């Protein structure tokens, strides 16, 4: 399966929120909300909030997308992803994601090549 790389380097095609949205899978929405509540220490995440087609695609977005620093920075700079930015490896905004998901940085580095 071809990767669908988000601004930060995450592969949207492997994201449970996108999979639940594309397949209209309410059970996966529920499981994802519960997982994210624990992982992000965010009890306010509900299954109803789990709707996303990908941060660079038309359609539904997770509520966080509108305030996502990475996405907003990429859009403000006129880039497609962080791979277009010369500050990728030193950026304090996106490195917090890459600490938890190193594959996201690898995806961005692949886009550079």
C-alpha atoms as a PDB file:
ATOM      1  CA  UNK A   1       0.000   0.000   0.000  1.00  0.00           C
ATOM      2  CA  UNK A   2       1.318   3.420  -0.910  1.00  0.00           C
ATOM      3  CA  UNK A   3       1.979   5.762   1.990  1.00  0.00           C
ATOM      4  CA  UNK A   4      -0.121   8.882   2.565  1.00  0.00           C
ATOM      5  CA  UNK A   5       2.254  11.141   4.460  1.00  0.00           C
ATOM      6  CA  UNK A   6       0.875  13.820   6.772  1.00  0.00           C
ATOM      7  CA  UNK A   7       2.606  17.156   7.384  1.00  0.00           C
ATOM      8  CA  UNK A   8       4.563  15.681  10.308  1.00  0.00           C
ATOM      9  CA  UNK A   9       5.487  12.452   8.538  1.00  0.00           C
ATOM     10  CA  UNK A  10       2.876  10.117  10.002  1.00  0.00           C
ATOM     11  CA  UNK A  11       1.449   7.673   7.471  1.00  0.00           C
ATOM     12  CA  UNK A  12      -2.290   8.410   7.355  1.00  0.00           C
ATOM     13  CA  UNK A  13      -2.972   5.044   5.722  1.00  0.00           C
ATOM     14  CA  UNK A  14      -1.957   3.313   8.957  1.00  0.00           C
ATOM     15  CA  UNK A  15      -3.805   5.717  11.278  1.00  0.00           C
ATOM     16  CA  UNK A  16      -6.735   4.161  13.122  1.00  0.00           C
ATOM     17  CA  UNK A  17      -8.704   7.427  12.901  1.00  0.00           C
ATOM     18  CA  UNK A  18      -8.463   7.484   9.107  1.00  0.00           C
ATOM     19  CA  UNK A  19      -9.167   3.757   8.825  1.00  0.00           C
ATOM     20  CA  UNK A  20     -12.252   4.137  11.041  1.00  0.00           C
ATOM     21  CA  UNK A  21     -13.435   7.094   8.961  1.00  0.00           C
ATOM     22  CA  UNK A  22     -12.902   5.458   5.579  1.00  0.00           C
ATOM     23  CA  UNK A  23     -14.594   2.230   6.724  1.00  0.00           C
ATOM     24  CA  UNK A  24     -17.232   3.978   8.866  1.00  0.00           C
ATOM     25  CA  UNK A  25     -16.172   1.666  11.709  1.00  0.00           C
ATOM     26  CA  UNK A  26     -17.737   2.828  14.976  1.00  0.00           C
ATOM     27  CA  UNK A  27     -16.065   0.076  17.000  1.00  0.00           C
ATOM     28  CA  UNK A  28     -12.613   1.189  15.795  1.00  0.00           C
ATOM     29  CA  UNK A  29     -13.568   4.792  16.616  1.00  0.00           C
ATOM     30  CA  UNK A  30     -14.405   3.706  20.161  1.00  0.00           C
ATOM     31  CA  UNK A  31     -11.185   1.711  20.582  1.00  0.00           C
ATOM     32  CA  UNK A  32      -9.112   4.547  19.119  1.00  0.00           C
ATOM     33  CA  UNK A  33     -10.702   7.123  21.417  1.00  0.00           C
ATOM     34  CA  UNK A  34      -9.966   4.957  24.443  1.00  0.00           C
ATOM     35  CA  UNK A  35      -6.370   4.390  23.317  1.00  0.00           C
ATOM     36  CA  UNK A  36      -5.791   8.095  22.651  1.00  0.00           C
ATOM     37  CA  UNK A  37      -7.352   9.085  25.984  1.00  0.00           C
ATOM     38  CA  UNK A  38      -4.659   7.062  27.726  1.00  0.00           C
ATOM     39  CA  UNK A  39      -1.763   7.861  25.404  1.00  0.00           C
ATOM     40  CA  UNK A  40      -2.408  11.616  25.300  1.00  0.00           C
ATOM     41  CA  UNK A  41      -3.851  11.833  28.838  1.00  0.00           C
ATOM     42  CA  UNK A  42      -6.915  13.439  27.277  1.00  0.00           C
ATOM     43  CA  UNK A  43     -10.157  12.167  28.766  1.00  0.00           C
ATOM     44  CA  UNK A  44     -12.152  14.479  26.486  1.00  0.00           C
ATOM     45  CA  UNK A  45     -11.507  12.423  23.360  1.00  0.00           C
ATOM     46  CA  UNK A  46     -14.681  10.620  22.341  1.00  0.00           C
ATOM     47  CA  UNK A  47     -15.491   8.106  19.632  1.00  0.00           C
ATOM     48  CA  UNK A  48     -17.571  10.782  17.890  1.00  0.00           C
ATOM     49  CA  UNK A  49     -14.418  12.878  17.483  1.00  0.00           C
ATOM     50  CA  UNK A  50     -12.595  10.128  15.570  1.00  0.00           C
ATOM     51  CA  UNK A  51     -13.201  11.270  12.001  1.00  0.00           C
ATOM     52  CA  UNK A  52     -10.334  12.121   9.692  1.00  0.00           C
ATOM     53  CA  UNK A  53      -9.518  11.618   6.030  1.00  0.00           C
ATOM     54  CA  UNK A  54      -5.916  12.786   6.477  1.00  0.00           C
ATOM     55  CA  UNK A  55      -4.509  16.201   7.315  1.00  0.00           C
ATOM     56  CA  UNK A  56      -3.703  17.012   3.685  1.00  0.00           C
ATOM     57  CA  UNK A  57      -6.829  15.511   2.151  1.00  0.00           C
ATOM     58  CA  UNK A  58     -10.263  17.009   1.633  1.00  0.00           C
ATOM     59  CA  UNK A  59     -12.863  15.937   4.140  1.00  0.00           C
ATOM     60  CA  UNK A  60     -13.207  15.365   7.856  1.00  0.00           C
ATOM     61  CA  UNK A  61     -10.442  16.285  10.290  1.00  0.00           C
ATOM     62  CA  UNK A  62      -9.808  15.524  13.943  1.00  0.00           C
ATOM     63  CA  UNK A  63     -10.603  18.652  15.997  1.00  0.00           C
ATOM     64  CA  UNK A  64      -6.915  18.965  16.887  1.00  0.00           C
ATOM     65  CA  UNK A  65      -5.971  19.573  13.230  1.00  0.00           C
ATOM     66  CA  UNK A  66      -7.075  23.199  13.330  1.00  0.00           C
ATOM     67  CA  UNK A  67      -4.693  23.885  16.214  1.00  0.00           C
ATOM     68  CA  UNK A  68      -1.887  21.500  15.226  1.00  0.00           C
ATOM     69  CA  UNK A  69       1.340  23.511  15.329  1.00  0.00           C
ATOM     70  CA  UNK A  70       3.023  21.295  12.752  1.00  0.00           C
ATOM     71  CA  UNK A  71       0.172  21.481  10.244  1.00  0.00           C
ATOM     72  CA  UNK A  72      -0.266  25.234  10.753  1.00  0.00           C
ATOM     73  CA  UNK A  73       3.473  25.822  10.282  1.00  0.00           C
ATOM     74  CA  UNK A  74       3.580  23.758   7.082  1.00  0.00           C
ATOM     75  CA  UNK A  75       0.570  25.602   5.669  1.00  0.00           C
ATOM     76  CA  UNK A  76       1.948  29.022   6.675  1.00  0.00           C
ATOM     77  CA  UNK A  77       5.246  28.289   4.931  1.00  0.00           C
ATOM     78  CA  UNK A  78       3.480  27.006   1.809  1.00  0.00           C
ATOM     79  CA  UNK A  79       4.984  23.518   2.121  1.00  0.00           C
ATOM     80  CA  UNK A  80       3.348  20.155   1.528  1.00  0.00           C
ATOM     81  CA  UNK A  81       5.075  18.483   4.502  1.00  0.00           C
ATOM     82  CA  UNK A  82       7.919  19.174   6.910  1.00  0.00           C
ATOM     83  CA  UNK A  83      10.219  17.417   4.414  1.00  0.00           C
ATOM     84  CA  UNK A  84      10.245  20.660   2.423  1.00  0.00           C
ATOM     85  CA  UNK A  85      11.679  22.619   5.376  1.00  0.00           C
ATOM     86  CA  UNK A  86      15.384  23.127   5.943  1.00  0.00           C
ATOM     87  CA  UNK A  87      14.811  22.976   9.709  1.00  0.00           C
ATOM     88  CA  UNK A  88      13.320  19.461   9.677  1.00  0.00           C
ATOM     89  CA  UNK A  89      15.915  17.730  11.854  1.00  0.00           C
ATOM     90  CA  UNK A  90      16.262  20.612  14.334  1.00  0.00           C
ATOM     91  CA  UNK A  91      12.652  21.778  14.508  1.00  0.00           C
ATOM     92  CA  UNK A  92      11.325  21.814  18.066  1.00  0.00           C
ATOM     93  CA  UNK A  93       7.722  21.611  16.880  1.00  0.00           C
ATOM     94  CA  UNK A  94       7.858  18.335  14.958  1.00  0.00           C
ATOM     95  CA  UNK A  95      10.616  16.552  16.921  1.00  0.00           C
ATOM     96  CA  UNK A  96       8.168  15.825  19.747  1.00  0.00           C
ATOM     97  CA  UNK A  97       6.238  13.617  17.321  1.00  0.00           C
ATOM     98  CA  UNK A  98       9.378  11.990  15.954  1.00  0.00           C
ATOM     99  CA  UNK A  99      10.498  11.024  19.483  1.00  0.00           C
ATOM    100  CA  UNK A 100       7.375   8.870  19.801  1.00  0.00           C
ATOM    101  CA  UNK A 101       7.079   7.789  16.154  1.00  0.00           C
ATOM    102  CA  UNK A 102      10.543   7.598  14.543  1.00  0.00           C
ATOM    103  CA  UNK A 103       8.998   6.225  11.339  1.00  0.00           C
ATOM    104  CA  UNK A 104       7.440   9.657  10.797  1.00  0.00           C
ATOM    105  CA  UNK A 105      10.890  11.217  10.462  1.00  0.00           C
ATOM    106  CA  UNK A 106      11.966   8.357   8.177  1.00  0.00           C
ATOM    107  CA  UNK A 107       8.933   9.012   5.974  1.00  0.00           C
ATOM    108  CA  UNK A 108       9.868  12.689   5.679  1.00  0.00           C
ATOM    109  CA  UNK A 109      13.480  11.867   4.880  1.00  0.00           C
ATOM    110  CA  UNK A 110      12.282   9.499   2.121  1.00  0.00           C
ATOM    111  CA  UNK A 111      10.226  12.330   0.629  1.00  0.00           C
ATOM    112  CA  UNK A 112      13.396  14.427   0.444  1.00  0.00           C
ATOM    113  CA  UNK A 113      15.120  11.827  -1.736  1.00  0.00           C
END
